Amino acid sequence: MSVLYLAAAIVLEICGTTSLKLSQGFTRIGPAGAVVFCYAASFALLSLALRVIDLSIAYALWSGVGTAIVAAIGLASRPAPGSSYRWR
């Protein structure tokens, strides 16, 4: 069950990070609310996963997988200016 909590925490962290860009500096209320909700829920689920999974393992997976997927989403949706790397 802890692995499911960790997986859900990772998904919510990805949603929160993606909503951060969409909130346009917290000027749009919907995405800004999603950021707050997703991060709060992500931390709550991460804390439940920590009941069984070691902190070092859980945090490494939570932050690493989340960062990798958010980076892939960023590359797929809009490559950085000046970058020659494109997925399209």
N, C-alpha and C. Protein backbone atom coordinates (compact mmCIF):
# COMPACT_ATOMS: atom_id res chain seq x y z
N MET A 1 0.82 -1.19 0.00
CA MET A 1 0.00 0.00 0.00
C MET A 1 0.86 1.26 0.00
N SER A 2 2.01 1.20 0.65
CA SER A 2 2.89 2.35 0.70
C SER A 2 3.43 2.73 -0.67
N VAL A 3 3.64 1.73 -1.51
CA VAL A 3 4.11 2.01 -2.87
C VAL A 3 3.03 2.78 -3.63
N LEU A 4 1.77 2.44 -3.41
CA LEU A 4 0.67 3.17 -4.06
C LEU A 4 0.59 4.60 -3.55
N TYR A 5 0.80 4.78 -2.25
CA TYR A 5 0.83 6.14 -1.70
C TYR A 5 1.95 6.96 -2.35
N LEU A 6 3.10 6.34 -2.49
CA LEU A 6 4.24 7.03 -3.09
C LEU A 6 3.96 7.35 -4.56
N ALA A 7 3.38 6.42 -5.29
CA ALA A 7 3.05 6.66 -6.69
C ALA A 7 2.05 7.80 -6.84
N ALA A 8 1.04 7.81 -5.99
CA ALA A 8 0.05 8.89 -6.03
C ALA A 8 0.69 10.23 -5.65
N ALA A 9 1.61 10.21 -4.69
CA ALA A 9 2.32 11.43 -4.31
C ALA A 9 3.14 11.97 -5.47
N ILE A 10 3.75 11.08 -6.23
CA ILE A 10 4.53 11.50 -7.39
C ILE A 10 3.62 12.12 -8.45
N VAL A 11 2.50 11.49 -8.72
CA VAL A 11 1.55 12.02 -9.71
C VAL A 11 1.05 13.40 -9.29
N LEU A 12 0.71 13.56 -8.02
CA LEU A 12 0.23 14.86 -7.54
C LEU A 12 1.33 15.92 -7.57
N GLU A 13 2.57 15.51 -7.32
CA GLU A 13 3.68 16.46 -7.40
C GLU A 13 3.88 16.93 -8.84
N ILE A 14 3.73 16.02 -9.78
CA ILE A 14 3.83 16.38 -11.20
C ILE A 14 2.70 17.33 -11.59
N CYS A 15 1.49 17.04 -11.15
CA CYS A 15 0.35 17.92 -11.44
C CYS A 15 0.55 19.30 -10.82
N GLY A 16 1.05 19.34 -9.60
CA GLY A 16 1.28 20.62 -8.93
C GLY A 16 2.35 21.44 -9.62
N THR A 17 3.42 20.79 -10.05
CA THR A 17 4.50 21.49 -10.73
C THR A 17 4.05 22.00 -12.09
N THR A 18 3.27 21.20 -12.80
CA THR A 18 2.73 21.63 -14.09
C THR A 18 1.76 22.80 -13.91
N SER A 19 0.96 22.76 -12.87
CA SER A 19 0.02 23.85 -12.59
C SER A 19 0.74 25.13 -12.20
N LEU A 20 1.94 24.99 -11.65
CA LEU A 20 2.72 26.16 -11.27
C LEU A 20 3.00 27.05 -12.47
N LYS A 21 3.34 26.45 -13.59
CA LYS A 21 3.57 27.21 -14.82
C LYS A 21 2.26 27.82 -15.32
N LEU A 22 1.18 27.05 -15.24
CA LEU A 22 -0.11 27.51 -15.73
C LEU A 22 -0.71 28.63 -14.88
N SER A 23 -0.26 28.76 -13.63
CA SER A 23 -0.83 29.79 -12.75
C SER A 23 -0.33 31.19 -13.08
N GLN A 24 0.70 31.28 -13.92
CA GLN A 24 1.27 32.57 -14.35
C GLN A 24 1.58 33.46 -13.15
N GLY A 25 2.43 32.96 -12.27
CA GLY A 25 2.83 33.71 -11.09
C GLY A 25 1.72 33.86 -10.07
N PHE A 26 0.88 32.87 -9.94
CA PHE A 26 -0.26 32.84 -9.01
C PHE A 26 -1.27 33.96 -9.31
N THR A 27 -1.37 34.37 -10.58
CA THR A 27 -2.36 35.37 -10.96
C THR A 27 -3.64 34.74 -11.47
N ARG A 28 -3.60 33.46 -11.77
CA ARG A 28 -4.80 32.74 -12.20
C ARG A 28 -5.24 31.82 -11.07
N ILE A 29 -6.46 32.03 -10.59
CA ILE A 29 -6.92 31.38 -9.35
C ILE A 29 -7.07 29.86 -9.48
N GLY A 30 -7.54 29.37 -10.62
CA GLY A 30 -7.73 27.93 -10.79
C GLY A 30 -6.43 27.14 -10.69
N PRO A 31 -5.45 27.46 -11.55
CA PRO A 31 -4.18 26.73 -11.46
C PRO A 31 -3.45 26.98 -10.15
N ALA A 32 -3.59 28.18 -9.57
CA ALA A 32 -2.94 28.46 -8.28
C ALA A 32 -3.54 27.58 -7.18
N GLY A 33 -4.84 27.42 -7.21
CA GLY A 33 -5.49 26.52 -6.25
C GLY A 33 -5.06 25.08 -6.45
N ALA A 34 -4.88 24.69 -7.72
CA ALA A 34 -4.42 23.33 -8.02
C ALA A 34 -3.01 23.11 -7.48
N VAL A 35 -2.16 24.12 -7.55
CA VAL A 35 -0.79 24.01 -7.02
C VAL A 35 -0.85 23.72 -5.52
N VAL A 36 -1.61 24.52 -4.81
CA VAL A 36 -1.70 24.36 -3.35
C VAL A 36 -2.28 22.99 -2.99
N PHE A 37 -3.37 22.62 -3.66
CA PHE A 37 -4.01 21.34 -3.36
C PHE A 37 -3.08 20.17 -3.68
N CYS A 38 -2.49 20.19 -4.88
CA CYS A 38 -1.65 19.07 -5.31
C CYS A 38 -0.42 18.89 -4.42
N TYR A 39 0.23 20.00 -4.06
CA TYR A 39 1.40 19.88 -3.20
C TYR A 39 1.01 19.42 -1.79
N ALA A 40 -0.07 19.94 -1.25
CA ALA A 40 -0.51 19.52 0.08
C ALA A 40 -0.86 18.03 0.09
N ALA A 41 -1.60 17.59 -0.91
CA ALA A 41 -1.98 16.18 -1.00
C ALA A 41 -0.74 15.31 -1.25
N SER A 42 0.18 15.80 -2.07
CA SER A 42 1.40 15.05 -2.35
C SER A 42 2.22 14.83 -1.08
N PHE A 43 2.38 15.89 -0.28
CA PHE A 43 3.13 15.74 0.97
C PHE A 43 2.41 14.83 1.95
N ALA A 44 1.08 14.90 1.98
CA ALA A 44 0.32 14.03 2.87
C ALA A 44 0.52 12.56 2.48
N LEU A 45 0.43 12.28 1.18
CA LEU A 45 0.63 10.90 0.73
C LEU A 45 2.07 10.44 0.91
N LEU A 46 3.02 11.35 0.71
CA LEU A 46 4.42 11.00 0.94
C LEU A 46 4.64 10.63 2.41
N SER A 47 4.01 11.36 3.30
CA SER A 47 4.17 11.04 4.73
C SER A 47 3.55 9.69 5.06
N LEU A 48 2.46 9.32 4.39
CA LEU A 48 1.89 7.99 4.61
C LEU A 48 2.82 6.90 4.08
N ALA A 49 3.45 7.16 2.94
CA ALA A 49 4.39 6.19 2.38
C ALA A 49 5.60 5.99 3.29
N LEU A 50 5.97 7.04 4.01
CA LEU A 50 7.15 6.97 4.89
C LEU A 50 6.93 6.07 6.11
N ARG A 51 5.71 5.63 6.33
CA ARG A 51 5.48 4.70 7.44
C ARG A 51 6.19 3.37 7.20
N VAL A 52 6.37 3.00 5.93
CA VAL A 52 6.99 1.71 5.60
C VAL A 52 8.29 1.90 4.83
N ILE A 53 8.33 2.85 3.91
CA ILE A 53 9.50 3.05 3.04
C ILE A 53 10.47 4.00 3.73
N ASP A 54 11.76 3.70 3.66
CA ASP A 54 12.79 4.58 4.23
C ASP A 54 12.71 5.98 3.60
N LEU A 55 13.02 6.98 4.40
CA LEU A 55 12.99 8.36 3.93
C LEU A 55 13.89 8.57 2.72
N SER A 56 15.10 8.04 2.78
CA SER A 56 16.05 8.27 1.69
C SER A 56 15.54 7.69 0.37
N ILE A 57 14.96 6.52 0.41
CA ILE A 57 14.45 5.88 -0.80
C ILE A 57 13.21 6.61 -1.30
N ALA A 58 12.27 6.88 -0.41
CA ALA A 58 11.02 7.52 -0.81
C ALA A 58 11.26 8.92 -1.37
N TYR A 59 12.10 9.70 -0.70
CA TYR A 59 12.34 11.07 -1.17
C TYR A 59 13.11 11.07 -2.49
N ALA A 60 14.07 10.17 -2.64
CA ALA A 60 14.82 10.08 -3.90
C ALA A 60 13.88 9.74 -5.05
N LEU A 61 12.99 8.78 -4.85
CA LEU A 61 12.04 8.43 -5.90
C LEU A 61 11.06 9.55 -6.16
N TRP A 62 10.51 10.14 -5.10
CA TRP A 62 9.51 11.20 -5.24
C TRP A 62 10.07 12.39 -6.00
N SER A 63 11.24 12.84 -5.61
CA SER A 63 11.81 14.01 -6.27
C SER A 63 12.41 13.67 -7.62
N GLY A 64 13.09 12.55 -7.73
CA GLY A 64 13.75 12.18 -8.98
C GLY A 64 12.79 11.85 -10.11
N VAL A 65 11.82 11.00 -9.83
CA VAL A 65 10.84 10.63 -10.85
C VAL A 65 10.00 11.84 -11.23
N GLY A 66 9.60 12.63 -10.23
CA GLY A 66 8.82 13.83 -10.52
C GLY A 66 9.58 14.81 -11.39
N THR A 67 10.84 15.04 -11.07
CA THR A 67 11.67 15.97 -11.86
C THR A 67 11.86 15.45 -13.28
N ALA A 68 12.14 14.17 -13.44
CA ALA A 68 12.36 13.60 -14.77
C ALA A 68 11.11 13.71 -15.64
N ILE A 69 9.95 13.42 -15.07
CA ILE A 69 8.72 13.48 -15.85
C ILE A 69 8.34 14.92 -16.18
N VAL A 70 8.52 15.84 -15.23
CA VAL A 70 8.23 17.25 -15.52
C VAL A 70 9.17 17.77 -16.60
N ALA A 71 10.43 17.36 -16.57
CA ALA A 71 11.38 17.77 -17.62
C ALA A 71 10.95 17.21 -18.98
N ALA A 72 10.50 15.97 -19.01
CA ALA A 72 10.04 15.37 -20.26
C ALA A 72 8.80 16.09 -20.78
N ILE A 73 7.89 16.44 -19.88
CA ILE A 73 6.69 17.19 -20.28
C ILE A 73 7.10 18.53 -20.86
N GLY A 74 8.05 19.19 -20.23
CA GLY A 74 8.53 20.48 -20.72
C GLY A 74 9.17 20.37 -22.09
N LEU A 75 9.99 19.35 -22.29
CA LEU A 75 10.62 19.16 -23.60
C LEU A 75 9.61 18.83 -24.68
N ALA A 76 8.63 18.02 -24.32
CA ALA A 76 7.64 17.60 -25.31
C ALA A 76 6.69 18.74 -25.69
N SER A 77 6.38 19.59 -24.73
CA SER A 77 5.41 20.64 -25.00
C SER A 77 6.02 21.92 -25.53
N ARG A 78 7.20 22.27 -25.07
CA ARG A 78 7.82 23.52 -25.50
C ARG A 78 9.31 23.49 -25.18
N PRO A 79 10.14 23.22 -26.18
CA PRO A 79 11.58 23.21 -25.93
C PRO A 79 12.09 24.59 -25.52
N ALA A 80 13.17 24.61 -24.78
CA ALA A 80 13.75 25.88 -24.31
C ALA A 80 14.20 26.72 -25.51
N PRO A 81 14.07 28.04 -25.39
CA PRO A 81 14.54 28.90 -26.49
C PRO A 81 16.03 28.70 -26.74
N GLY A 82 16.40 28.61 -27.99
CA GLY A 82 17.80 28.41 -28.33
C GLY A 82 18.22 26.95 -28.30
N SER A 83 17.34 26.08 -27.90
CA SER A 83 17.68 24.67 -27.83
C SER A 83 17.46 24.03 -29.20
N SER A 84 18.38 23.18 -29.59
CA SER A 84 18.23 22.49 -30.87
C SER A 84 17.55 21.13 -30.71
N TYR A 85 17.28 20.75 -29.47
CA TYR A 85 16.68 19.45 -29.20
C TYR A 85 15.17 19.54 -29.23
N ARG A 86 14.54 18.73 -30.07
CA ARG A 86 13.07 18.72 -30.16
C ARG A 86 12.58 17.29 -30.24
N TRP A 87 11.43 17.03 -29.66
CA TRP A 87 10.83 15.70 -29.69
C TRP A 87 9.79 15.58 -30.80
N ARG A 88 9.50 16.63 -31.47
CA ARG A 88 8.43 16.59 -32.47
C ARG A 88 8.94 16.23 -33.83
